[in-house]
């Protein structure tokens, strides 16, 4: 699964992506973390 967010910077908003990989026993690997809403 992935989610696309944005980093607010002085001159522009820069897009970024977090990727979530579900391992075979439902543990998760979070790659390039983004703080998500509730």
ModelCIF file with pLDDT and N, C-alpha, C, O atoms, coordinates in Angstrom:
data_MODEL
#
_entry.id   MODEL 
#
_entity.id                         1 
_entity.type                       polymer 
_entity.pdbx_number_of_molecules   1 
#
_entity_poly.entity_id                      1 
_entity_poly.type                           'polypeptide(L)' 
_entity_poly.nstd_linkage                   no 
_entity_poly.nstd_monomer                   no 
_entity_poly.pdbx_seq_one_letter_code       
;(UNK)(UNK)(UNK)(UNK)(UNK)(UNK)(UNK)(UNK)(UNK)(UNK)(UNK)(UNK)(UNK)(UNK)(UNK)(UNK)
(UNK)(UNK)(UNK)(UNK)(UNK)(UNK)(UNK)(UNK)(UNK)(UNK)(UNK)(UNK)(UNK)(UNK)(UNK)(UNK)
(UNK)(UNK)(UNK)(UNK)(UNK)(UNK)
;
_entity_poly.pdbx_seq_one_letter_code_can   XXXXXXXXXXXXXXXXXXXXXXXXXXXXXXXXXXXXXX 
_entity_poly.pdbx_strand_id                 A 
#
loop_
_entity_poly_seq.entity_id 
_entity_poly_seq.num 
_entity_poly_seq.mon_id 
_entity_poly_seq.hetero 
1 1  UNK n 
1 2  UNK n 
1 3  UNK n 
1 4  UNK n 
1 5  UNK n 
1 6  UNK n 
1 7  UNK n 
1 8  UNK n 
1 9  UNK n 
1 10 UNK n 
1 11 UNK n 
1 12 UNK n 
1 13 UNK n 
1 14 UNK n 
1 15 UNK n 
1 16 UNK n 
1 17 UNK n 
1 18 UNK n 
1 19 UNK n 
1 20 UNK n 
1 21 UNK n 
1 22 UNK n 
1 23 UNK n 
1 24 UNK n 
1 25 UNK n 
1 26 UNK n 
1 27 UNK n 
1 28 UNK n 
1 29 UNK n 
1 30 UNK n 
1 31 UNK n 
1 32 UNK n 
1 33 UNK n 
1 34 UNK n 
1 35 UNK n 
1 36 UNK n 
1 37 UNK n 
1 38 UNK n 
#
_struct_asym.id          A 
_struct_asym.entity_id   1 
#
loop_
_ma_qa_metric.id 
_ma_qa_metric.mode 
_ma_qa_metric.name 
_ma_qa_metric.software_group_id 
_ma_qa_metric.type 
1 global pLDDT . pLDDT 
2 local  pLDDT . pLDDT 
#
_ma_qa_metric_global.metric_id      1 
_ma_qa_metric_global.metric_value   90.32 
_ma_qa_metric_global.model_id       1 
_ma_qa_metric_global.ordinal_id     1 
#
loop_
_ma_qa_metric_local.label_asym_id 
_ma_qa_metric_local.label_comp_id 
_ma_qa_metric_local.label_seq_id 
_ma_qa_metric_local.metric_id 
_ma_qa_metric_local.metric_value 
_ma_qa_metric_local.model_id 
_ma_qa_metric_local.ordinal_id 
A UNK 1  2 98.00 1 1  
A UNK 2  2 98.00 1 2  
A UNK 3  2 98.00 1 3  
A UNK 4  2 97.00 1 4  
A UNK 5  2 95.00 1 5  
A UNK 6  2 89.00 1 6  
A UNK 7  2 81.00 1 7  
A UNK 8  2 73.00 1 8  
A UNK 9  2 64.00 1 9  
A UNK 10 2 59.00 1 10 
A UNK 11 2 58.00 1 11 
A UNK 12 2 62.00 1 12 
A UNK 13 2 71.00 1 13 
A UNK 14 2 75.00 1 14 
A UNK 15 2 87.00 1 15 
A UNK 16 2 93.00 1 16 
A UNK 17 2 96.00 1 17 
A UNK 18 2 98.00 1 18 
A UNK 19 2 98.00 1 19 
A UNK 20 2 98.00 1 20 
A UNK 21 2 98.00 1 21 
A UNK 22 2 98.00 1 22 
A UNK 23 2 98.00 1 23 
A UNK 24 2 91.00 1 24 
A UNK 25 2 93.00 1 25 
A UNK 26 2 94.00 1 26 
A UNK 27 2 98.00 1 27 
A UNK 28 2 98.00 1 28 
A UNK 29 2 98.00 1 29 
A UNK 30 2 98.00 1 30 
A UNK 31 2 98.00 1 31 
A UNK 32 2 97.00 1 32 
A UNK 33 2 97.00 1 33 
A UNK 34 2 97.00 1 34 
A UNK 35 2 97.00 1 35 
A UNK 36 2 98.00 1 36 
A UNK 37 2 98.00 1 37 
A UNK 38 2 98.00 1 38 
#
loop_
_atom_site.group_PDB 
_atom_site.id 
_atom_site.type_symbol 
_atom_site.label_atom_id 
_atom_site.label_alt_id 
_atom_site.label_comp_id 
_atom_site.label_asym_id 
_atom_site.label_entity_id 
_atom_site.label_seq_id 
_atom_site.pdbx_PDB_ins_code 
_atom_site.Cartn_x 
_atom_site.Cartn_y 
_atom_site.Cartn_z 
_atom_site.occupancy 
_atom_site.B_iso_or_equiv 
_atom_site.pdbx_formal_charge 
_atom_site.auth_seq_id 
_atom_site.auth_comp_id 
_atom_site.auth_asym_id 
_atom_site.auth_atom_id 
_atom_site.pdbx_PDB_model_num 
ATOM 1   N N  . UNK A 1 1  ? 0.860  -1.177  0.000  1.00 98.00 ? 1  UNK A N  1 
ATOM 2   C CA . UNK A 1 1  ? 0.000  0.000   0.000  1.00 98.00 ? 1  UNK A CA 1 
ATOM 3   C C  . UNK A 1 1  ? 0.903  1.235   0.000  1.00 98.00 ? 1  UNK A C  1 
ATOM 4   O O  . UNK A 1 1  ? 2.006  1.196   0.546  1.00 98.00 ? 1  UNK A O  1 
ATOM 5   N N  . UNK A 1 2  ? 0.446  2.318   -0.602 1.00 98.00 ? 2  UNK A N  1 
ATOM 6   C CA . UNK A 1 2  ? 1.193  3.567   -0.538 1.00 98.00 ? 2  UNK A CA 1 
ATOM 7   C C  . UNK A 1 2  ? 0.237  4.718   -0.228 1.00 98.00 ? 2  UNK A C  1 
ATOM 8   O O  . UNK A 1 2  ? -0.972 4.633   -0.442 1.00 98.00 ? 2  UNK A O  1 
ATOM 9   N N  . UNK A 1 3  ? 0.825  5.787   0.280  1.00 98.00 ? 3  UNK A N  1 
ATOM 10  C CA . UNK A 1 3  ? 0.077  7.019   0.506  1.00 98.00 ? 3  UNK A CA 1 
ATOM 11  C C  . UNK A 1 3  ? 0.964  8.181   0.095  1.00 98.00 ? 3  UNK A C  1 
ATOM 12  O O  . UNK A 1 3  ? 2.155  8.210   0.407  1.00 98.00 ? 3  UNK A O  1 
ATOM 13  N N  . UNK A 1 4  ? 0.374  9.136   -0.606 1.00 97.00 ? 4  UNK A N  1 
ATOM 14  C CA . UNK A 1 4  ? 1.120  10.307  -1.083 1.00 97.00 ? 4  UNK A CA 1 
ATOM 15  C C  . UNK A 1 4  ? 0.796  11.505  -0.209 1.00 97.00 ? 4  UNK A C  1 
ATOM 16  O O  . UNK A 1 4  ? -0.369 11.808  0.047  1.00 97.00 ? 4  UNK A O  1 
ATOM 17  N N  . UNK A 1 5  ? 1.834  12.174  0.239  1.00 95.00 ? 5  UNK A N  1 
ATOM 18  C CA . UNK A 1 5  ? 1.669  13.376  1.039  1.00 95.00 ? 5  UNK A CA 1 
ATOM 19  C C  . UNK A 1 5  ? 2.456  14.520  0.452  1.00 95.00 ? 5  UNK A C  1 
ATOM 20  O O  . UNK A 1 5  ? 2.944  14.441  -0.675 1.00 95.00 ? 5  UNK A O  1 
ATOM 21  N N  . UNK A 1 6  ? 2.577  15.585  1.222  1.00 89.00 ? 6  UNK A N  1 
ATOM 22  C CA . UNK A 1 6  ? 3.309  16.759  0.762  1.00 89.00 ? 6  UNK A CA 1 
ATOM 23  C C  . UNK A 1 6  ? 4.062  17.377  1.928  1.00 89.00 ? 6  UNK A C  1 
ATOM 24  O O  . UNK A 1 6  ? 3.570  17.413  3.057  1.00 89.00 ? 6  UNK A O  1 
ATOM 25  N N  . UNK A 1 7  ? 5.250  17.856  1.640  1.00 81.00 ? 7  UNK A N  1 
ATOM 26  C CA . UNK A 1 7  ? 6.045  18.586  2.620  1.00 81.00 ? 7  UNK A CA 1 
ATOM 27  C C  . UNK A 1 7  ? 5.916  20.068  2.309  1.00 81.00 ? 7  UNK A C  1 
ATOM 28  O O  . UNK A 1 7  ? 6.222  20.505  1.199  1.00 81.00 ? 7  UNK A O  1 
ATOM 29  N N  . UNK A 1 8  ? 5.465  20.836  3.287  1.00 73.00 ? 8  UNK A N  1 
ATOM 30  C CA . UNK A 1 8  ? 5.393  22.284  3.087  1.00 73.00 ? 8  UNK A CA 1 
ATOM 31  C C  . UNK A 1 8  ? 6.780  22.873  3.216  1.00 73.00 ? 8  UNK A C  1 
ATOM 32  O O  . UNK A 1 8  ? 7.440  22.728  4.245  1.00 73.00 ? 8  UNK A O  1 
ATOM 33  N N  . UNK A 1 9  ? 7.221  23.547  2.149  1.00 64.00 ? 9  UNK A N  1 
ATOM 34  C CA . UNK A 1 9  ? 8.531  24.182  2.130  1.00 64.00 ? 9  UNK A CA 1 
ATOM 35  C C  . UNK A 1 9  ? 8.353  25.666  1.840  1.00 64.00 ? 9  UNK A C  1 
ATOM 36  O O  . UNK A 1 9  ? 7.284  26.076  1.388  1.00 64.00 ? 9  UNK A O  1 
ATOM 37  N N  . UNK A 1 10 ? 9.388  26.490  2.093  1.00 59.00 ? 10 UNK A N  1 
ATOM 38  C CA . UNK A 1 10 ? 9.232  27.942  1.920  1.00 59.00 ? 10 UNK A CA 1 
ATOM 39  C C  . UNK A 1 10 ? 8.752  28.353  0.531  1.00 59.00 ? 10 UNK A C  1 
ATOM 40  O O  . UNK A 1 10 ? 7.949  29.278  0.410  1.00 59.00 ? 10 UNK A O  1 
ATOM 41  N N  . UNK A 1 11 ? 9.234  27.678  -0.529 1.00 58.00 ? 11 UNK A N  1 
ATOM 42  C CA . UNK A 1 11 ? 8.923  28.108  -1.881 1.00 58.00 ? 11 UNK A CA 1 
ATOM 43  C C  . UNK A 1 11 ? 7.908  27.222  -2.595 1.00 58.00 ? 11 UNK A C  1 
ATOM 44  O O  . UNK A 1 11 ? 7.341  27.628  -3.610 1.00 58.00 ? 11 UNK A O  1 
ATOM 45  N N  . UNK A 1 12 ? 7.676  26.024  -2.081 1.00 62.00 ? 12 UNK A N  1 
ATOM 46  C CA . UNK A 1 12 ? 6.744  25.122  -2.753 1.00 62.00 ? 12 UNK A CA 1 
ATOM 47  C C  . UNK A 1 12 ? 6.359  23.990  -1.822 1.00 62.00 ? 12 UNK A C  1 
ATOM 48  O O  . UNK A 1 12 ? 6.954  23.794  -0.762 1.00 62.00 ? 12 UNK A O  1 
ATOM 49  N N  . UNK A 1 13 ? 5.345  23.249  -2.246 1.00 71.00 ? 13 UNK A N  1 
ATOM 50  C CA . UNK A 1 13 ? 4.945  22.027  -1.552 1.00 71.00 ? 13 UNK A CA 1 
ATOM 51  C C  . UNK A 1 13 ? 5.516  20.853  -2.333 1.00 71.00 ? 13 UNK A C  1 
ATOM 52  O O  . UNK A 1 13 ? 5.256  20.703  -3.527 1.00 71.00 ? 13 UNK A O  1 
ATOM 53  N N  . UNK A 1 14 ? 6.307  20.012  -1.642 1.00 75.00 ? 14 UNK A N  1 
ATOM 54  C CA . UNK A 1 14 ? 7.049  18.949  -2.323 1.00 75.00 ? 14 UNK A CA 1 
ATOM 55  C C  . UNK A 1 14 ? 6.383  17.602  -2.049 1.00 75.00 ? 14 UNK A C  1 
ATOM 56  O O  . UNK A 1 14 ? 6.226  17.227  -0.886 1.00 75.00 ? 14 UNK A O  1 
ATOM 57  N N  . UNK A 1 15 ? 5.985  16.858  -3.097 1.00 87.00 ? 15 UNK A N  1 
ATOM 58  C CA . UNK A 1 15 ? 5.296  15.590  -2.880 1.00 87.00 ? 15 UNK A CA 1 
ATOM 59  C C  . UNK A 1 15 ? 6.234  14.496  -2.370 1.00 87.00 ? 15 UNK A C  1 
ATOM 60  O O  . UNK A 1 15 ? 7.419  14.473  -2.701 1.00 87.00 ? 15 UNK A O  1 
ATOM 61  N N  . UNK A 1 16 ? 5.690  13.603  -1.571 1.00 93.00 ? 16 UNK A N  1 
ATOM 62  C CA . UNK A 1 16 ? 6.462  12.463  -1.053 1.00 93.00 ? 16 UNK A CA 1 
ATOM 63  C C  . UNK A 1 16 ? 5.524  11.273  -0.884 1.00 93.00 ? 16 UNK A C  1 
ATOM 64  O O  . UNK A 1 16 ? 4.307  11.440  -0.806 1.00 93.00 ? 16 UNK A O  1 
ATOM 65  N N  . UNK A 1 17 ? 6.091  10.084  -0.828 1.00 96.00 ? 17 UNK A N  1 
ATOM 66  C CA . UNK A 1 17 ? 5.292  8.873   -0.763 1.00 96.00 ? 17 UNK A CA 1 
ATOM 67  C C  . UNK A 1 17 ? 5.818  7.954   0.344  1.00 96.00 ? 17 UNK A C  1 
ATOM 68  O O  . UNK A 1 17 ? 7.027  7.771   0.491  1.00 96.00 ? 17 UNK A O  1 
ATOM 69  N N  . UNK A 1 18 ? 4.903  7.389   1.109  1.00 98.00 ? 18 UNK A N  1 
ATOM 70  C CA . UNK A 1 18 ? 5.227  6.333   2.061  1.00 98.00 ? 18 UNK A CA 1 
ATOM 71  C C  . UNK A 1 18 ? 4.721  5.015   1.492  1.00 98.00 ? 18 UNK A C  1 
ATOM 72  O O  . UNK A 1 18 ? 3.631  4.952   0.923  1.00 98.00 ? 18 UNK A O  1 
ATOM 73  N N  . UNK A 1 19 ? 5.516  3.967   1.649  1.00 98.00 ? 19 UNK A N  1 
ATOM 74  C CA . UNK A 1 19 ? 5.132  2.644   1.175  1.00 98.00 ? 19 UNK A CA 1 
ATOM 75  C C  . UNK A 1 19 ? 5.037  1.694   2.365  1.00 98.00 ? 19 UNK A C  1 
ATOM 76  O O  . UNK A 1 19 ? 5.908  1.680   3.235  1.00 98.00 ? 19 UNK A O  1 
ATOM 77  N N  . UNK A 1 20 ? 3.976  0.909   2.390  1.00 98.00 ? 20 UNK A N  1 
ATOM 78  C CA . UNK A 1 20 ? 3.739  -0.059  3.464  1.00 98.00 ? 20 UNK A CA 1 
ATOM 79  C C  . UNK A 1 20 ? 3.710  -1.449  2.851  1.00 98.00 ? 20 UNK A C  1 
ATOM 80  O O  . UNK A 1 20 ? 2.963  -1.707  1.907  1.00 98.00 ? 20 UNK A O  1 
ATOM 81  N N  . UNK A 1 21 ? 4.531  -2.345  3.394  1.00 98.00 ? 21 UNK A N  1 
ATOM 82  C CA . UNK A 1 21 ? 4.582  -3.725  2.914  1.00 98.00 ? 21 UNK A CA 1 
ATOM 83  C C  . UNK A 1 21 ? 4.113  -4.646  4.032  1.00 98.00 ? 21 UNK A C  1 
ATOM 84  O O  . UNK A 1 21 ? 4.615  -4.584  5.154  1.00 98.00 ? 21 UNK A O  1 
ATOM 85  N N  . UNK A 1 22 ? 3.155  -5.494  3.715  1.00 98.00 ? 22 UNK A N  1 
ATOM 86  C CA . UNK A 1 22 ? 2.619  -6.446  4.690  1.00 98.00 ? 22 UNK A CA 1 
ATOM 87  C C  . UNK A 1 22 ? 3.382  -7.767  4.571  1.00 98.00 ? 22 UNK A C  1 
ATOM 88  O O  . UNK A 1 22 ? 3.349  -8.419  3.527  1.00 98.00 ? 22 UNK A O  1 
ATOM 89  N N  . UNK A 1 23 ? 4.062  -8.150  5.641  1.00 98.00 ? 23 UNK A N  1 
ATOM 90  C CA . UNK A 1 23 ? 4.768  -9.421  5.665  1.00 98.00 ? 23 UNK A CA 1 
ATOM 91  C C  . UNK A 1 23 ? 3.773  -10.561 5.844  1.00 98.00 ? 23 UNK A C  1 
ATOM 92  O O  . UNK A 1 23 ? 2.591  -10.328 6.093  1.00 98.00 ? 23 UNK A O  1 
ATOM 93  N N  . UNK A 1 24 ? 4.254  -11.790 5.717  1.00 91.00 ? 24 UNK A N  1 
ATOM 94  C CA . UNK A 1 24 ? 3.341  -12.919 5.657  1.00 91.00 ? 24 UNK A CA 1 
ATOM 95  C C  . UNK A 1 24 ? 2.597  -13.173 6.957  1.00 91.00 ? 24 UNK A C  1 
ATOM 96  O O  . UNK A 1 24 ? 1.561  -13.837 6.947  1.00 91.00 ? 24 UNK A O  1 
ATOM 97  N N  . UNK A 1 25 ? 3.099  -12.660 8.079  1.00 93.00 ? 25 UNK A N  1 
ATOM 98  C CA . UNK A 1 25 ? 2.392  -12.828 9.359  1.00 93.00 ? 25 UNK A CA 1 
ATOM 99  C C  . UNK A 1 25 ? 1.742  -11.521 9.817  1.00 93.00 ? 25 UNK A C  1 
ATOM 100 O O  . UNK A 1 25 ? 1.506  -11.317 11.008 1.00 93.00 ? 25 UNK A O  1 
ATOM 101 N N  . UNK A 1 26 ? 1.457  -10.640 8.857  1.00 94.00 ? 26 UNK A N  1 
ATOM 102 C CA . UNK A 1 26 ? 0.754  -9.379  9.084  1.00 94.00 ? 26 UNK A CA 1 
ATOM 103 C C  . UNK A 1 26 ? 1.579  -8.368  9.889  1.00 94.00 ? 26 UNK A C  1 
ATOM 104 O O  . UNK A 1 26 ? 1.021  -7.397  10.400 1.00 94.00 ? 26 UNK A O  1 
ATOM 105 N N  . UNK A 1 27 ? 2.864  -8.572  10.007 1.00 98.00 ? 27 UNK A N  1 
ATOM 106 C CA . UNK A 1 27 ? 3.726  -7.486  10.460 1.00 98.00 ? 27 UNK A CA 1 
ATOM 107 C C  . UNK A 1 27 ? 3.914  -6.531  9.280  1.00 98.00 ? 27 UNK A C  1 
ATOM 108 O O  . UNK A 1 27 ? 3.819  -6.937  8.122  1.00 98.00 ? 27 UNK A O  1 
ATOM 109 N N  . UNK A 1 28 ? 4.180  -5.273  9.583  1.00 98.00 ? 28 UNK A N  1 
ATOM 110 C CA . UNK A 1 28 ? 4.284  -4.261  8.533  1.00 98.00 ? 28 UNK A CA 1 
ATOM 111 C C  . UNK A 1 28 ? 5.682  -3.664  8.475  1.00 98.00 ? 28 UNK A C  1 
ATOM 112 O O  . UNK A 1 28 ? 6.323  -3.422  9.498  1.00 98.00 ? 28 UNK A O  1 
ATOM 113 N N  . UNK A 1 29 ? 6.133  -3.436  7.253  1.00 98.00 ? 29 UNK A N  1 
ATOM 114 C CA . UNK A 1 29 ? 7.347  -2.661  7.001  1.00 98.00 ? 29 UNK A CA 1 
ATOM 115 C C  . UNK A 1 29 ? 6.916  -1.286  6.512  1.00 98.00 ? 29 UNK A C  1 
ATOM 116 O O  . UNK A 1 29 ? 6.210  -1.168  5.511  1.00 98.00 ? 29 UNK A O  1 
ATOM 117 N N  . UNK A 1 30 ? 7.342  -0.255  7.218  1.00 98.00 ? 30 UNK A N  1 
ATOM 118 C CA . UNK A 1 30 ? 7.030  1.130   6.853  1.00 98.00 ? 30 UNK A CA 1 
ATOM 119 C C  . UNK A 1 30 ? 8.271  1.721   6.197  1.00 98.00 ? 30 UNK A C  1 
ATOM 120 O O  . UNK A 1 30 ? 9.319  1.831   6.833  1.00 98.00 ? 30 UNK A O  1 
ATOM 121 N N  . UNK A 1 31 ? 8.157  2.101   4.929  1.00 98.00 ? 31 UNK A N  1 
ATOM 122 C CA . UNK A 1 31 ? 9.289  2.631   4.168  1.00 98.00 ? 31 UNK A CA 1 
ATOM 123 C C  . UNK A 1 31 ? 9.052  4.106   3.902  1.00 98.00 ? 31 UNK A C  1 
ATOM 124 O O  . UNK A 1 31 ? 8.067  4.476   3.264  1.00 98.00 ? 31 UNK A O  1 
ATOM 125 N N  . UNK A 1 32 ? 9.957  4.953   4.392  1.00 97.00 ? 32 UNK A N  1 
ATOM 126 C CA . UNK A 1 32 ? 9.860  6.400   4.226  1.00 97.00 ? 32 UNK A CA 1 
ATOM 127 C C  . UNK A 1 32 ? 8.591  6.933   4.893  1.00 97.00 ? 32 UNK A C  1 
ATOM 128 O O  . UNK A 1 32 ? 7.640  7.339   4.225  1.00 97.00 ? 32 UNK A O  1 
ATOM 129 N N  . UNK A 1 33 ? 8.604  6.920   6.210  1.00 97.00 ? 33 UNK A N  1 
ATOM 130 C CA . UNK A 1 33 ? 7.401  7.166   7.019  1.00 97.00 ? 33 UNK A CA 1 
ATOM 131 C C  . UNK A 1 33 ? 6.817  8.570   6.847  1.00 97.00 ? 33 UNK A C  1 
ATOM 132 O O  . UNK A 1 33 ? 7.534  9.558   6.690  1.00 97.00 ? 33 UNK A O  1 
ATOM 133 N N  . UNK A 1 34 ? 5.490  8.611   6.885  1.00 97.00 ? 34 UNK A N  1 
ATOM 134 C CA . UNK A 1 34 ? 4.723  9.852   6.917  1.00 97.00 ? 34 UNK A CA 1 
ATOM 135 C C  . UNK A 1 34 ? 3.752  9.751   8.087  1.00 97.00 ? 34 UNK A C  1 
ATOM 136 O O  . UNK A 1 34 ? 3.110  8.717   8.270  1.00 97.00 ? 34 UNK A O  1 
ATOM 137 N N  . UNK A 1 35 ? 3.638  10.805  8.873  1.00 97.00 ? 35 UNK A N  1 
ATOM 138 C CA . UNK A 1 35 ? 2.650  10.842  9.947  1.00 97.00 ? 35 UNK A CA 1 
ATOM 139 C C  . UNK A 1 35 ? 1.264  10.992  9.330  1.00 97.00 ? 35 UNK A C  1 
ATOM 140 O O  . UNK A 1 35 ? 1.004  11.955  8.608  1.00 97.00 ? 35 UNK A O  1 
ATOM 141 N N  . UNK A 1 36 ? 0.374  10.042  9.612  1.00 98.00 ? 36 UNK A N  1 
ATOM 142 C CA . UNK A 1 36 ? -0.958 10.029  9.018  1.00 98.00 ? 36 UNK A CA 1 
ATOM 143 C C  . UNK A 1 36 ? -2.006 10.532  10.013 1.00 98.00 ? 36 UNK A C  1 
ATOM 144 O O  . UNK A 1 36 ? -1.790 10.529  11.225 1.00 98.00 ? 36 UNK A O  1 
ATOM 145 N N  . UNK A 1 37 ? -3.134 10.960  9.474  1.00 98.00 ? 37 UNK A N  1 
ATOM 146 C CA . UNK A 1 37 ? -4.231 11.370  10.346 1.00 98.00 ? 37 UNK A CA 1 
ATOM 147 C C  . UNK A 1 37 ? -4.880 10.131  10.966 1.00 98.00 ? 37 UNK A C  1 
ATOM 148 O O  . UNK A 1 37 ? -4.541 9.002   10.611 1.00 98.00 ? 37 UNK A O  1 
ATOM 149 N N  . UNK A 1 38 ? -5.809 10.350  11.888 1.00 98.00 ? 38 UNK A N  1 
ATOM 150 C CA . UNK A 1 38 ? -6.402 9.240   12.640 1.00 98.00 ? 38 UNK A CA 1 
ATOM 151 C C  . UNK A 1 38 ? -7.107 8.243   11.728 1.00 98.00 ? 38 UNK A C  1 
ATOM 152 O O  . UNK A 1 38 ? -7.658 7.252   12.206 1.00 98.00 ? 38 UNK A O  1 
#
